[in-house]
Amino acid sequence: MSKGVTIADVATKAGVSTKTVSNVLNQTGRMSAETRRRVEAAITALGYHVNRSAQMLRSGATGMIGLAVPSFAQPFFGYFSDIMAKYAHSRGYGLTIGTYFDRTGGLEGFIDDTYRLNADGWIFLADRPLSDEGAILNQEYPIVLLGDFPSFGKADAVVMPNSDASEYATQWLLTRGCKKIGFVGAPPWITTMPTGAGLEDFLTAISDQEYNTSLRLRGYLKALKAHGIGFDPRFLASGQHIEIEDGEAAMASMLESGVTPDAIVCVNDAIALGAMITLRQRGIQIPRDVQVIGFDNTTYAQYAVPSLTSIDPFAWQYAQVAVDRLIERMHGDDSPARTFSTGYRFVQRQSTAAQS
């Protein structure tokens, strides 16, 4: 196949003007069926392909959506990126993905790359609250924010039902007779709570911590409060991050504090998988001794041993709403920023006991 074929070459072979060839390529203009056939035959014979890069330069559009994620060390990020790519493609867009875990300042340190990568708009999956009232969201391209942090009215945001879903999972365990339910993967700030702090103190502290790990902890605490269950901070285990090894360490810390839960709600599937490793290493059987619930319903949950009961926060909806909203912004929608929430469902598997 010739690599240097131009639109002029096609026009010469077909015996038409370059404008006529352009009309055929763009499916515009009026011409006879015979003229169109000759042009299409010339395109095929010469192996001509549209120069998309040149088109993008002329139009100012790349046909690409950008997605910034912290890293792929956490199962959810890879799982979500795959869903996002498939949906973006179904809408006629490519997806470029960048990670910012190794950048000074995290997401803020990644901004220069977004201009080099040159997508038409970006979806930011944030892993921490935005500083300076979301100043990072003031860019020359449209942005949709994910990660359950405030966008300060500067960009559309898509959030998960973190508190409601975690509350449901905890209530599900309580109504099945569990009395000593732990929460694994709590945010690191819980270690700064004063000695003797009670359930209400923790709930009050969470009101100023609007992000997913804190909101999932809030749901857990609300369920305990609603059922009149006594609160013991030793049943909370925090991790610096929310990856598998953090789940192992957090579960070990809880057990070594002198308490043995009969069930645990985990902040995500990665933490749950790590907690299950520690439990098995210590001869604690799942679900006979300890029932385990994760959050995110990643593919890892289905193939874990035993398979992991998990909250499905509708990651596909998370991706679709983000992509749809970004495309609307890229096409000129300048309405006030909005926040959208996904739904959820409870997926019961082998890590929790079946209802008797």
Protein backbone atom coordinates (compact mmCIF):
# COMPACT_ATOMS: atom_id res chain seq x y z
CA MET A 1 0.00 0.00 0.00
CA SER A 2 1.32 3.42 -0.96
CA LYS A 3 1.96 5.65 2.03
CA GLY A 4 2.22 8.96 0.16
CA VAL A 5 -1.11 9.07 -1.60
CA THR A 6 -2.81 12.47 -1.45
CA ILE A 7 -6.31 13.67 -2.13
CA ALA A 8 -4.97 15.25 -5.35
CA ASP A 9 -3.76 11.81 -6.52
CA VAL A 10 -7.25 10.42 -5.96
CA ALA A 11 -8.79 13.33 -7.88
CA THR A 12 -6.44 12.81 -10.84
CA LYS A 13 -7.13 9.08 -11.07
CA ALA A 14 -10.90 9.60 -10.83
CA GLY A 15 -10.88 12.55 -13.24
CA VAL A 16 -12.59 14.92 -10.80
CA SER A 17 -11.68 17.93 -8.66
CA THR A 18 -10.20 17.65 -5.18
CA LYS A 19 -13.39 19.28 -3.90
CA THR A 20 -15.42 16.38 -5.30
CA VAL A 21 -13.12 13.87 -3.58
CA SER A 22 -13.52 15.80 -0.32
CA ASN A 23 -17.30 15.69 -0.71
CA VAL A 24 -17.20 11.91 -1.15
CA LEU A 25 -14.99 11.47 1.91
CA ASN A 26 -17.22 13.70 4.04
CA GLN A 27 -20.48 12.47 2.51
CA THR A 28 -21.45 16.01 1.51
CA GLY A 29 -22.29 17.77 -1.75
CA ARG A 30 -24.27 16.53 -4.73
CA MET A 31 -22.95 14.38 -7.58
CA SER A 32 -24.00 11.54 -9.80
CA ALA A 33 -23.83 7.96 -8.61
CA GLU A 34 -21.26 7.26 -11.35
CA THR A 35 -18.96 10.07 -10.16
CA ARG A 36 -19.17 8.84 -6.58
CA ARG A 37 -18.40 5.29 -7.75
CA ARG A 38 -15.30 6.47 -9.68
CA VAL A 39 -13.97 8.38 -6.67
CA GLU A 40 -14.55 5.44 -4.29
CA ALA A 41 -12.84 3.09 -6.77
CA ALA A 42 -9.84 5.43 -6.97
CA ILE A 43 -9.62 5.63 -3.18
CA THR A 44 -9.58 1.84 -2.96
CA ALA A 45 -7.11 1.36 -5.81
CA LEU A 46 -4.62 3.89 -4.43
CA GLY A 47 -5.03 2.83 -0.80
CA TYR A 48 -5.83 6.37 0.30
CA HIS A 49 -6.61 7.01 3.97
CA VAL A 50 -7.95 10.22 5.48
CA ASN A 51 -5.28 12.19 7.34
CA ARG A 52 -7.07 12.41 10.69
CA SER A 53 -4.27 14.46 12.25
CA ALA A 54 -4.69 17.14 9.59
CA GLN A 55 -8.44 17.10 10.09
CA MET A 56 -8.00 17.60 13.81
CA LEU A 57 -5.65 20.52 13.28
CA ARG A 58 -8.18 22.20 11.01
CA SER A 59 -11.14 21.58 13.30
CA GLY A 60 -9.39 22.06 16.62
CA ALA A 61 -10.82 18.73 17.85
CA THR A 62 -8.92 15.51 18.50
CA GLY A 63 -11.77 13.04 18.95
CA MET A 64 -10.12 11.98 22.21
CA ILE A 65 -11.27 12.02 25.82
CA GLY A 66 -8.69 12.03 28.59
CA LEU A 67 -8.91 10.04 31.82
CA ALA A 68 -6.56 10.73 34.73
CA VAL A 69 -6.36 8.02 37.42
CA PRO A 70 -3.99 7.70 40.39
CA SER A 71 -2.47 4.36 39.31
CA PHE A 72 -3.41 0.81 38.41
CA ALA A 73 -2.25 -0.74 41.70
CA GLN A 74 -5.84 -0.70 42.97
CA PRO A 75 -8.12 -3.16 41.08
CA PHE A 76 -10.96 -0.68 40.66
CA PHE A 77 -8.92 1.75 38.55
CA GLY A 78 -8.11 -0.79 35.84
CA TYR A 79 -11.63 -2.19 35.94
CA PHE A 80 -13.12 1.28 35.62
CA SER A 81 -10.73 2.38 32.86
CA ASP A 82 -11.77 -0.60 30.76
CA ILE A 83 -15.45 0.29 31.15
CA MET A 84 -14.70 3.92 30.35
CA ALA A 85 -12.76 3.03 27.19
CA LYS A 86 -15.54 0.81 25.86
CA TYR A 87 -18.21 3.42 26.44
CA ALA A 88 -16.13 6.28 24.99
CA HIS A 89 -15.57 4.19 21.87
CA SER A 90 -19.29 3.53 21.58
CA ARG A 91 -19.78 7.32 21.53
CA GLY A 92 -17.19 7.70 18.77
CA TYR A 93 -14.29 8.86 20.95
CA GLY A 94 -10.91 7.41 21.75
CA LEU A 95 -9.62 7.38 25.32
CA THR A 96 -6.18 8.41 26.47
CA ILE A 97 -5.28 7.44 30.05
CA GLY A 98 -2.64 8.96 32.30
CA THR A 99 -1.57 8.14 35.86
CA TYR A 100 -0.38 10.70 38.37
CA PHE A 101 0.69 8.64 41.42
CA ASP A 102 4.35 9.57 40.90
CA ARG A 103 3.81 13.28 40.29
CA THR A 104 4.64 15.91 42.88
CA GLY A 105 1.29 17.28 43.98
CA GLY A 106 -0.58 14.27 42.58
CA LEU A 107 -3.30 15.28 40.14
CA GLU A 108 -2.15 18.90 40.17
CA GLY A 109 1.28 17.77 39.00
CA PHE A 110 -0.32 16.04 36.02
CA ILE A 111 -1.94 19.13 34.48
CA ASP A 112 0.96 19.94 32.13
CA ASP A 113 0.63 16.45 30.66
CA THR A 114 -3.04 17.02 29.86
CA TYR A 115 -2.04 19.75 27.41
CA ARG A 116 0.67 17.61 25.81
CA LEU A 117 -1.76 14.71 25.42
CA ASN A 118 -4.21 17.12 23.78
CA ALA A 119 -7.60 15.50 24.46
CA ASP A 120 -10.76 17.52 23.87
CA GLY A 121 -11.76 17.20 27.53
CA TRP A 122 -10.66 15.37 30.66
CA ILE A 123 -12.23 13.20 33.34
CA PHE A 124 -10.27 13.49 36.60
CA LEU A 125 -10.55 10.60 39.06
CA ALA A 126 -9.24 12.35 42.16
CA ASP A 127 -7.73 10.50 45.11
CA ARG A 128 -7.78 13.40 47.57
CA PRO A 129 -9.69 16.66 48.20
CA LEU A 130 -8.87 19.47 45.79
CA SER A 131 -6.94 22.41 47.22
CA ASP A 132 -7.60 26.12 46.69
CA GLU A 133 -11.34 25.51 46.24
CA GLY A 134 -10.77 23.39 43.17
CA ALA A 135 -8.51 25.83 41.33
CA ILE A 136 -7.17 22.89 39.31
CA LEU A 137 -10.56 22.67 37.59
CA ASN A 138 -10.03 26.07 35.89
CA GLN A 139 -8.52 24.81 32.63
CA GLU A 140 -8.96 25.61 28.94
CA TYR A 141 -10.79 22.32 28.32
CA PRO A 142 -13.97 20.85 29.87
CA ILE A 143 -13.57 18.65 32.97
CA VAL A 144 -15.75 16.15 34.80
CA LEU A 145 -14.63 15.27 38.33
CA LEU A 146 -14.88 11.78 39.83
CA GLY A 147 -13.74 10.57 43.24
CA ASP A 148 -16.48 11.92 45.52
CA PHE A 149 -14.84 15.24 46.31
CA PRO A 150 -16.46 18.69 46.09
CA SER A 151 -15.95 20.46 42.75
CA PHE A 152 -16.85 23.88 44.21
CA GLY A 153 -19.20 24.52 41.31
CA LYS A 154 -16.29 24.62 38.86
CA ALA A 155 -17.01 21.33 37.07
CA ASP A 156 -19.62 18.63 36.84
CA ALA A 157 -19.05 15.81 39.32
CA VAL A 158 -20.21 12.20 39.40
CA VAL A 159 -20.32 10.49 42.81
CA MET A 160 -21.16 7.07 44.20
CA PRO A 161 -23.78 6.38 46.91
CA ASN A 162 -20.99 5.72 49.39
CA SER A 163 -22.77 6.30 52.70
CA ASP A 164 -26.10 4.73 51.74
CA ALA A 165 -24.50 1.62 50.26
CA SER A 166 -22.19 1.06 53.23
CA GLU A 167 -25.08 1.56 55.63
CA TYR A 168 -27.10 -1.04 53.73
CA ALA A 169 -24.24 -3.57 53.84
CA THR A 170 -23.82 -3.10 57.60
CA GLN A 171 -27.54 -3.40 58.22
CA TRP A 172 -27.61 -6.56 56.09
CA LEU A 173 -25.10 -8.14 58.49
CA LEU A 174 -26.87 -6.87 61.61
CA THR A 175 -30.22 -8.29 60.52
CA ARG A 176 -28.55 -11.67 60.08
CA GLY A 177 -27.34 -11.83 63.65
CA CYS A 178 -23.85 -10.31 63.47
CA LYS A 179 -23.04 -8.36 66.64
CA LYS A 180 -19.33 -7.50 66.32
CA ILE A 181 -18.94 -5.87 62.93
CA GLY A 182 -15.64 -4.24 62.03
CA PHE A 183 -14.81 -1.65 59.39
CA VAL A 184 -11.54 -2.19 57.52
CA GLY A 185 -9.92 0.52 55.41
CA ALA A 186 -11.08 3.50 57.44
CA PRO A 187 -9.37 6.81 56.57
CA PRO A 188 -6.08 7.53 58.40
CA TRP A 189 -7.54 10.49 60.31
CA ILE A 190 -9.36 8.14 62.69
CA THR A 191 -6.02 7.58 64.49
CA THR A 192 -6.04 11.25 65.51
CA MET A 193 -9.36 11.00 67.34
CA PRO A 194 -9.02 11.58 71.09
CA THR A 195 -9.05 8.65 73.50
CA GLY A 196 -12.59 7.88 74.57
CA ALA A 197 -14.18 9.38 71.44
CA GLY A 198 -17.59 7.85 70.84
CA LEU A 199 -19.74 7.12 67.84
CA GLU A 200 -21.21 10.63 67.69
CA ASP A 201 -17.72 12.14 67.82
CA PHE A 202 -16.72 10.09 64.78
CA LEU A 203 -19.88 11.04 62.91
CA THR A 204 -19.27 14.71 63.62
CA ALA A 205 -15.68 14.45 62.40
CA ILE A 206 -16.82 12.85 59.15
CA SER A 207 -19.09 15.76 58.30
CA ASP A 208 -16.01 17.70 57.21
CA GLN A 209 -14.41 14.79 55.34
CA GLU A 210 -16.34 14.55 52.10
CA TYR A 211 -14.64 11.69 50.30
CA ASN A 212 -15.39 8.05 49.68
CA THR A 213 -13.56 6.28 52.51
CA SER A 214 -15.01 8.67 55.09
CA LEU A 215 -18.48 8.50 53.58
CA ARG A 216 -18.40 4.69 53.61
CA LEU A 217 -17.33 4.82 57.26
CA ARG A 218 -20.24 7.16 57.92
CA GLY A 219 -22.71 4.64 56.51
CA TYR A 220 -21.27 1.91 58.74
CA LEU A 221 -21.55 4.11 61.85
CA LYS A 222 -25.10 5.19 60.98
CA ALA A 223 -26.17 1.54 60.79
CA LEU A 224 -24.63 0.79 64.22
CA LYS A 225 -26.41 3.81 65.67
CA ALA A 226 -29.76 2.86 64.13
CA HIS A 227 -29.53 -0.65 65.60
CA GLY A 228 -28.30 0.50 69.01
CA ILE A 229 -25.02 -1.41 68.72
CA GLY A 230 -22.31 -0.39 71.16
CA PHE A 231 -19.37 1.34 69.49
CA ASP A 232 -15.76 0.22 70.07
CA PRO A 233 -13.06 2.10 68.09
CA ARG A 234 -10.93 -1.07 68.08
CA PHE A 235 -13.31 -2.41 65.44
CA LEU A 236 -12.07 0.32 63.08
CA ALA A 237 -8.87 -0.40 61.16
CA SER A 238 -7.31 2.24 58.93
CA GLY A 239 -4.87 2.05 56.05
CA GLN A 240 -2.60 4.64 54.48
CA HIS A 241 -3.86 3.59 51.07
CA ILE A 242 -6.69 1.38 49.84
CA GLU A 243 -4.73 -1.44 48.23
CA ILE A 244 -4.48 -5.17 48.98
CA GLU A 245 -1.42 -4.96 51.22
CA ASP A 246 -3.11 -2.23 53.27
CA GLY A 247 -6.04 -4.58 53.82
CA GLU A 248 -3.67 -7.27 55.10
CA ALA A 249 -2.03 -4.86 57.54
CA ALA A 250 -5.29 -3.27 58.69
CA MET A 251 -6.90 -6.64 59.39
CA ALA A 252 -3.83 -7.76 61.33
CA SER A 253 -3.92 -4.54 63.37
CA MET A 254 -7.57 -5.09 64.30
CA LEU A 255 -6.98 -8.66 65.42
CA GLU A 256 -3.91 -7.69 67.41
CA SER A 257 -5.89 -4.98 69.26
CA GLY A 258 -7.67 -7.77 71.13
CA VAL A 259 -10.99 -7.89 69.29
CA THR A 260 -12.36 -10.56 66.99
CA PRO A 261 -15.17 -9.43 64.68
CA ASP A 262 -17.83 -11.78 63.41
CA ALA A 263 -18.10 -9.72 60.22
CA ILE A 264 -16.26 -6.89 58.48
CA VAL A 265 -17.33 -4.23 56.03
CA CYS A 266 -14.39 -3.17 53.86
CA VAL A 267 -13.93 0.16 52.16
CA ASN A 268 -13.29 -1.50 48.79
CA ASP A 269 -12.63 -4.90 47.21
CA ALA A 270 -8.84 -4.52 47.35
CA ILE A 271 -8.94 -3.99 51.13
CA ALA A 272 -11.35 -6.93 51.46
CA LEU A 273 -9.05 -9.25 49.51
CA GLY A 274 -6.11 -8.24 51.73
CA ALA A 275 -8.19 -8.75 54.88
CA MET A 276 -9.19 -12.22 53.66
CA ILE A 277 -5.52 -13.14 53.18
CA THR A 278 -4.76 -12.22 56.81
CA LEU A 279 -7.81 -14.07 58.12
CA ARG A 280 -6.85 -17.26 56.25
CA GLN A 281 -3.25 -17.02 57.44
CA ARG A 282 -4.51 -17.00 61.03
CA GLY A 283 -6.79 -19.97 60.55
CA ILE A 284 -9.97 -17.90 60.65
CA GLN A 285 -12.54 -19.33 58.27
CA ILE A 286 -14.69 -17.25 55.93
CA PRO A 287 -17.68 -16.98 56.29
CA ARG A 288 -18.04 -19.43 59.23
CA ASP A 289 -15.96 -17.30 61.64
CA VAL A 290 -15.95 -13.92 59.92
CA GLN A 291 -18.18 -12.69 57.10
CA VAL A 292 -16.61 -10.23 54.64
CA ILE A 293 -18.16 -7.55 52.43
CA GLY A 294 -16.26 -5.45 49.90
CA PHE A 295 -17.17 -2.42 47.81
CA ASP A 296 -16.85 -1.85 44.02
CA ASN A 297 -17.79 -5.34 42.77
CA THR A 298 -14.67 -5.64 40.61
CA THR A 299 -13.93 -8.81 38.65
CA TYR A 300 -11.55 -9.76 41.48
CA ALA A 301 -14.57 -10.16 43.77
CA GLN A 302 -16.10 -12.83 41.59
CA TYR A 303 -12.93 -14.90 41.35
CA ALA A 304 -11.69 -14.57 44.92
CA VAL A 305 -11.63 -17.69 47.10
CA PRO A 306 -14.16 -17.64 48.59
CA SER A 307 -15.91 -15.32 46.15
CA LEU A 308 -16.43 -11.90 47.69
CA THR A 309 -19.78 -10.35 48.54
CA SER A 310 -19.58 -6.74 47.40
CA ILE A 311 -21.48 -3.53 46.81
CA ASP A 312 -21.84 -2.83 43.10
CA PRO A 313 -21.88 0.99 42.72
CA PHE A 314 -22.74 0.69 39.03
CA ALA A 315 -19.29 1.53 37.65
CA TRP A 316 -20.76 1.38 34.14
CA GLN A 317 -23.18 4.17 35.11
CA TYR A 318 -20.31 6.08 36.72
CA ALA A 319 -18.45 5.93 33.40
CA GLN A 320 -21.43 6.65 31.16
CA VAL A 321 -22.63 9.70 33.05
CA ALA A 322 -19.08 11.10 33.12
CA VAL A 323 -18.52 10.57 29.39
CA ASP A 324 -21.96 11.84 28.38
CA ARG A 325 -21.61 14.95 30.50
CA LEU A 326 -18.11 15.66 29.19
CA ILE A 327 -19.24 15.32 25.57
CA GLU A 328 -22.10 17.73 26.25
CA ARG A 329 -19.59 20.24 27.64
CA MET A 330 -17.27 19.73 24.67
CA HIS A 331 -20.18 20.54 22.38
CA GLY A 332 -20.82 23.87 24.05
CA ASP A 333 -23.08 23.22 27.05
CA ASP A 334 -22.29 26.05 29.45
CA SER A 335 -25.03 25.43 32.03
CA PRO A 336 -24.12 25.54 35.75
CA ALA A 337 -22.07 22.64 37.08
CA ARG A 338 -24.07 19.75 38.51
CA THR A 339 -23.41 16.71 40.69
CA PHE A 340 -24.75 13.31 39.61
CA SER A 341 -24.96 10.11 41.69
CA THR A 342 -25.03 6.49 40.59
CA GLY A 343 -27.22 3.80 42.12
CA TYR A 344 -26.00 0.56 43.71
CA ARG A 345 -26.89 -3.07 44.34
CA PHE A 346 -25.79 -5.67 46.88
CA VAL A 347 -24.13 -8.73 45.32
CA GLN A 348 -24.11 -11.65 47.75
CA ARG A 349 -21.44 -14.34 47.27
CA GLN A 350 -19.60 -16.98 49.32
CA SER A 351 -17.82 -14.62 51.76
CA THR A 352 -21.09 -14.03 53.58
CA ALA A 353 -23.42 -16.69 54.92
CA ALA A 354 -26.56 -17.38 52.95
CA GLN A 355 -29.77 -16.39 54.70
CA SER A 356 -31.21 -19.30 56.65
